Amino acid sequence: MQAAWTALAQRIVASTDDVGEQFAEEARKIHYGEAQERGIRGKASLAETQALIEEGVAVMPLALPEFLKGQLQ
């Protein structure tokens, strides 16, 4: 099970753009057609995440394995 989760997490990291602290802003731009649609990952506060959900922006929290987190920045 752990190997399957690690493989999935590696695919997610490889196929998404890390937008860091700009996650909420970039997710909105994509949602409203102001930026190219693509998979992104980054950081958002609980309040930012709740606001995105209320706006209809599809978001999902994802806890990546520690060894992959160094690759995000």
N, C-alpha and C. Protein backbone atom coordinates (compact mmCIF):
# COMPACT_ATOMS: atom_id res chain seq x y z
N MET A 1 0.83 -1.19 0.00
CA MET A 1 0.00 0.00 0.00
C MET A 1 0.87 1.26 0.00
N GLN A 2 1.94 1.25 0.81
CA GLN A 2 2.81 2.41 0.87
C GLN A 2 3.50 2.64 -0.48
N ALA A 3 3.89 1.57 -1.14
CA ALA A 3 4.55 1.70 -2.45
C ALA A 3 3.58 2.30 -3.47
N ALA A 4 2.33 1.91 -3.42
CA ALA A 4 1.33 2.44 -4.34
C ALA A 4 1.11 3.93 -4.08
N TRP A 5 1.04 4.33 -2.80
CA TRP A 5 0.85 5.74 -2.46
C TRP A 5 2.07 6.55 -2.91
N THR A 6 3.25 6.03 -2.70
CA THR A 6 4.47 6.72 -3.11
C THR A 6 4.49 6.92 -4.62
N ALA A 7 4.13 5.89 -5.36
CA ALA A 7 4.10 5.99 -6.83
C ALA A 7 3.08 7.04 -7.28
N LEU A 8 1.91 7.05 -6.66
CA LEU A 8 0.89 8.04 -7.00
C LEU A 8 1.37 9.44 -6.68
N ALA A 9 1.96 9.62 -5.51
CA ALA A 9 2.46 10.94 -5.12
C ALA A 9 3.55 11.41 -6.09
N GLN A 10 4.42 10.52 -6.52
CA GLN A 10 5.46 10.90 -7.48
C GLN A 10 4.85 11.32 -8.81
N ARG A 11 3.80 10.64 -9.25
CA ARG A 11 3.12 11.02 -10.50
C ARG A 11 2.46 12.39 -10.37
N ILE A 12 1.88 12.65 -9.20
CA ILE A 12 1.24 13.96 -8.97
C ILE A 12 2.29 15.06 -9.03
N VAL A 13 3.41 14.87 -8.35
CA VAL A 13 4.47 15.88 -8.35
C VAL A 13 5.00 16.10 -9.77
N ALA A 14 5.17 15.02 -10.51
CA ALA A 14 5.72 15.12 -11.87
C ALA A 14 4.76 15.78 -12.85
N SER A 15 3.46 15.69 -12.59
CA SER A 15 2.49 16.17 -13.58
C SER A 15 1.78 17.46 -13.18
N THR A 16 2.24 18.12 -12.13
CA THR A 16 1.63 19.37 -11.70
C THR A 16 2.69 20.45 -11.54
N ASP A 17 2.25 21.69 -11.63
CA ASP A 17 3.14 22.83 -11.42
C ASP A 17 3.04 23.27 -9.97
N ASP A 18 4.19 23.47 -9.33
CA ASP A 18 4.21 23.97 -7.96
C ASP A 18 4.10 25.49 -8.01
N VAL A 19 3.00 26.03 -7.49
CA VAL A 19 2.79 27.48 -7.47
C VAL A 19 2.98 28.04 -6.07
N GLY A 20 3.40 27.20 -5.14
CA GLY A 20 3.74 27.64 -3.78
C GLY A 20 2.63 28.39 -3.08
N GLU A 21 3.00 29.51 -2.51
CA GLU A 21 2.07 30.32 -1.72
C GLU A 21 1.01 31.00 -2.59
N GLN A 22 1.19 30.98 -3.90
CA GLN A 22 0.24 31.61 -4.82
C GLN A 22 -0.88 30.66 -5.24
N PHE A 23 -1.02 29.54 -4.52
CA PHE A 23 -1.98 28.52 -4.93
C PHE A 23 -3.39 29.07 -5.09
N ALA A 24 -3.90 29.75 -4.09
CA ALA A 24 -5.29 30.23 -4.15
C ALA A 24 -5.49 31.19 -5.32
N GLU A 25 -4.56 32.10 -5.50
CA GLU A 25 -4.65 33.07 -6.61
C GLU A 25 -4.62 32.36 -7.96
N GLU A 26 -3.70 31.42 -8.12
CA GLU A 26 -3.56 30.72 -9.39
C GLU A 26 -4.76 29.80 -9.65
N ALA A 27 -5.28 29.16 -8.60
CA ALA A 27 -6.45 28.30 -8.76
C ALA A 27 -7.65 29.12 -9.24
N ARG A 28 -7.81 30.31 -8.71
CA ARG A 28 -8.90 31.20 -9.16
C ARG A 28 -8.72 31.58 -10.62
N LYS A 29 -7.50 31.95 -10.99
CA LYS A 29 -7.24 32.33 -12.38
C LYS A 29 -7.60 31.20 -13.34
N ILE A 30 -7.22 30.00 -12.98
CA ILE A 30 -7.54 28.84 -13.82
C ILE A 30 -9.05 28.63 -13.86
N HIS A 31 -9.69 28.69 -12.71
CA HIS A 31 -11.13 28.46 -12.62
C HIS A 31 -11.92 29.46 -13.47
N TYR A 32 -11.48 30.71 -13.46
CA TYR A 32 -12.21 31.76 -14.19
C TYR A 32 -11.69 31.97 -15.61
N GLY A 33 -10.82 31.09 -16.08
CA GLY A 33 -10.34 31.16 -17.45
C GLY A 33 -9.30 32.24 -17.71
N GLU A 34 -8.69 32.77 -16.66
CA GLU A 34 -7.69 33.83 -16.80
C GLU A 34 -6.27 33.28 -16.94
N ALA A 35 -6.11 31.99 -16.72
CA ALA A 35 -4.82 31.32 -16.87
C ALA A 35 -5.07 29.96 -17.51
N GLN A 36 -4.04 29.44 -18.15
CA GLN A 36 -4.14 28.16 -18.82
C GLN A 36 -4.52 27.05 -17.83
N GLU A 37 -5.46 26.21 -18.23
CA GLU A 37 -5.87 25.10 -17.36
C GLU A 37 -4.74 24.08 -17.28
N ARG A 38 -4.40 23.74 -16.04
CA ARG A 38 -3.36 22.75 -15.79
C ARG A 38 -3.45 22.32 -14.33
N GLY A 39 -2.80 21.24 -14.02
CA GLY A 39 -2.75 20.77 -12.65
C GLY A 39 -1.74 21.59 -11.87
N ILE A 40 -2.13 22.05 -10.70
CA ILE A 40 -1.22 22.82 -9.85
C ILE A 40 -1.23 22.24 -8.44
N ARG A 41 -0.19 22.58 -7.71
CA ARG A 41 -0.12 22.23 -6.29
C ARG A 41 0.56 23.40 -5.60
N GLY A 42 0.31 23.53 -4.32
CA GLY A 42 0.92 24.62 -3.57
C GLY A 42 0.37 24.64 -2.16
N LYS A 43 0.45 25.80 -1.56
CA LYS A 43 0.02 25.94 -0.17
C LYS A 43 -1.11 26.96 -0.09
N ALA A 44 -2.09 26.64 0.74
CA ALA A 44 -3.20 27.56 1.00
C ALA A 44 -3.63 27.39 2.45
N SER A 45 -4.04 28.49 3.05
CA SER A 45 -4.53 28.42 4.42
C SER A 45 -5.91 27.78 4.42
N LEU A 46 -6.38 27.42 5.61
CA LEU A 46 -7.72 26.86 5.73
C LEU A 46 -8.75 27.86 5.22
N ALA A 47 -8.60 29.12 5.57
CA ALA A 47 -9.55 30.15 5.12
C ALA A 47 -9.53 30.29 3.60
N GLU A 48 -8.33 30.27 3.00
CA GLU A 48 -8.24 30.36 1.54
C GLU A 48 -8.90 29.15 0.88
N THR A 49 -8.66 27.98 1.45
CA THR A 49 -9.24 26.76 0.91
C THR A 49 -10.76 26.79 0.99
N GLN A 50 -11.29 27.22 2.11
CA GLN A 50 -12.74 27.31 2.27
C GLN A 50 -13.33 28.31 1.28
N ALA A 51 -12.66 29.43 1.06
CA ALA A 51 -13.14 30.43 0.11
C ALA A 51 -13.14 29.86 -1.31
N LEU A 52 -12.11 29.13 -1.66
CA LEU A 52 -12.06 28.50 -2.99
C LEU A 52 -13.23 27.53 -3.17
N ILE A 53 -13.49 26.72 -2.18
CA ILE A 53 -14.59 25.75 -2.26
C ILE A 53 -15.92 26.48 -2.40
N GLU A 54 -16.12 27.54 -1.65
CA GLU A 54 -17.36 28.32 -1.74
C GLU A 54 -17.54 28.93 -3.13
N GLU A 55 -16.44 29.25 -3.80
CA GLU A 55 -16.49 29.81 -5.16
C GLU A 55 -16.68 28.73 -6.22
N GLY A 56 -16.64 27.48 -5.81
CA GLY A 56 -16.80 26.39 -6.76
C GLY A 56 -15.51 25.91 -7.38
N VAL A 57 -14.38 26.32 -6.82
CA VAL A 57 -13.08 25.88 -7.31
C VAL A 57 -12.78 24.51 -6.69
N ALA A 58 -12.49 23.54 -7.53
CA ALA A 58 -12.21 22.19 -7.04
C ALA A 58 -10.80 22.14 -6.47
N VAL A 59 -10.70 21.89 -5.19
CA VAL A 59 -9.41 21.75 -4.51
C VAL A 59 -9.44 20.50 -3.65
N MET A 60 -8.24 19.98 -3.37
CA MET A 60 -8.15 18.79 -2.55
C MET A 60 -6.86 18.85 -1.75
N PRO A 61 -6.96 18.74 -0.43
CA PRO A 61 -5.72 18.69 0.36
C PRO A 61 -4.99 17.39 0.07
N LEU A 62 -3.68 17.48 0.05
CA LEU A 62 -2.87 16.32 -0.27
C LEU A 62 -1.62 16.33 0.60
N ALA A 63 -1.49 15.33 1.42
CA ALA A 63 -0.29 15.20 2.27
C ALA A 63 0.72 14.34 1.52
N LEU A 64 1.78 14.99 1.03
CA LEU A 64 2.81 14.27 0.31
C LEU A 64 3.82 13.66 1.27
N PRO A 65 4.42 12.55 0.86
CA PRO A 65 5.47 11.97 1.70
C PRO A 65 6.60 12.97 1.89
N GLU A 66 7.24 12.95 3.05
CA GLU A 66 8.29 13.90 3.39
C GLU A 66 9.40 13.97 2.34
N PHE A 67 9.82 12.82 1.81
CA PHE A 67 10.93 12.84 0.87
C PHE A 67 10.60 13.55 -0.44
N LEU A 68 9.32 13.73 -0.75
CA LEU A 68 8.93 14.45 -1.96
C LEU A 68 8.79 15.94 -1.71
N LYS A 69 8.61 16.34 -0.48
CA LYS A 69 8.37 17.75 -0.18
C LYS A 69 9.56 18.62 -0.55
N GLY A 70 10.75 18.10 -0.46
CA GLY A 70 11.92 18.86 -0.84
C GLY A 70 11.94 19.19 -2.32
N GLN A 71 11.21 18.43 -3.13
CA GLN A 71 11.17 18.66 -4.56
C GLN A 71 10.16 19.74 -4.94
N LEU A 72 9.35 20.18 -4.01
CA LEU A 72 8.28 21.11 -4.34
C LEU A 72 8.75 22.52 -4.56
N GLN A 73 9.80 22.95 -3.90
CA GLN A 73 10.21 24.35 -3.99
C GLN A 73 11.29 24.57 -4.97
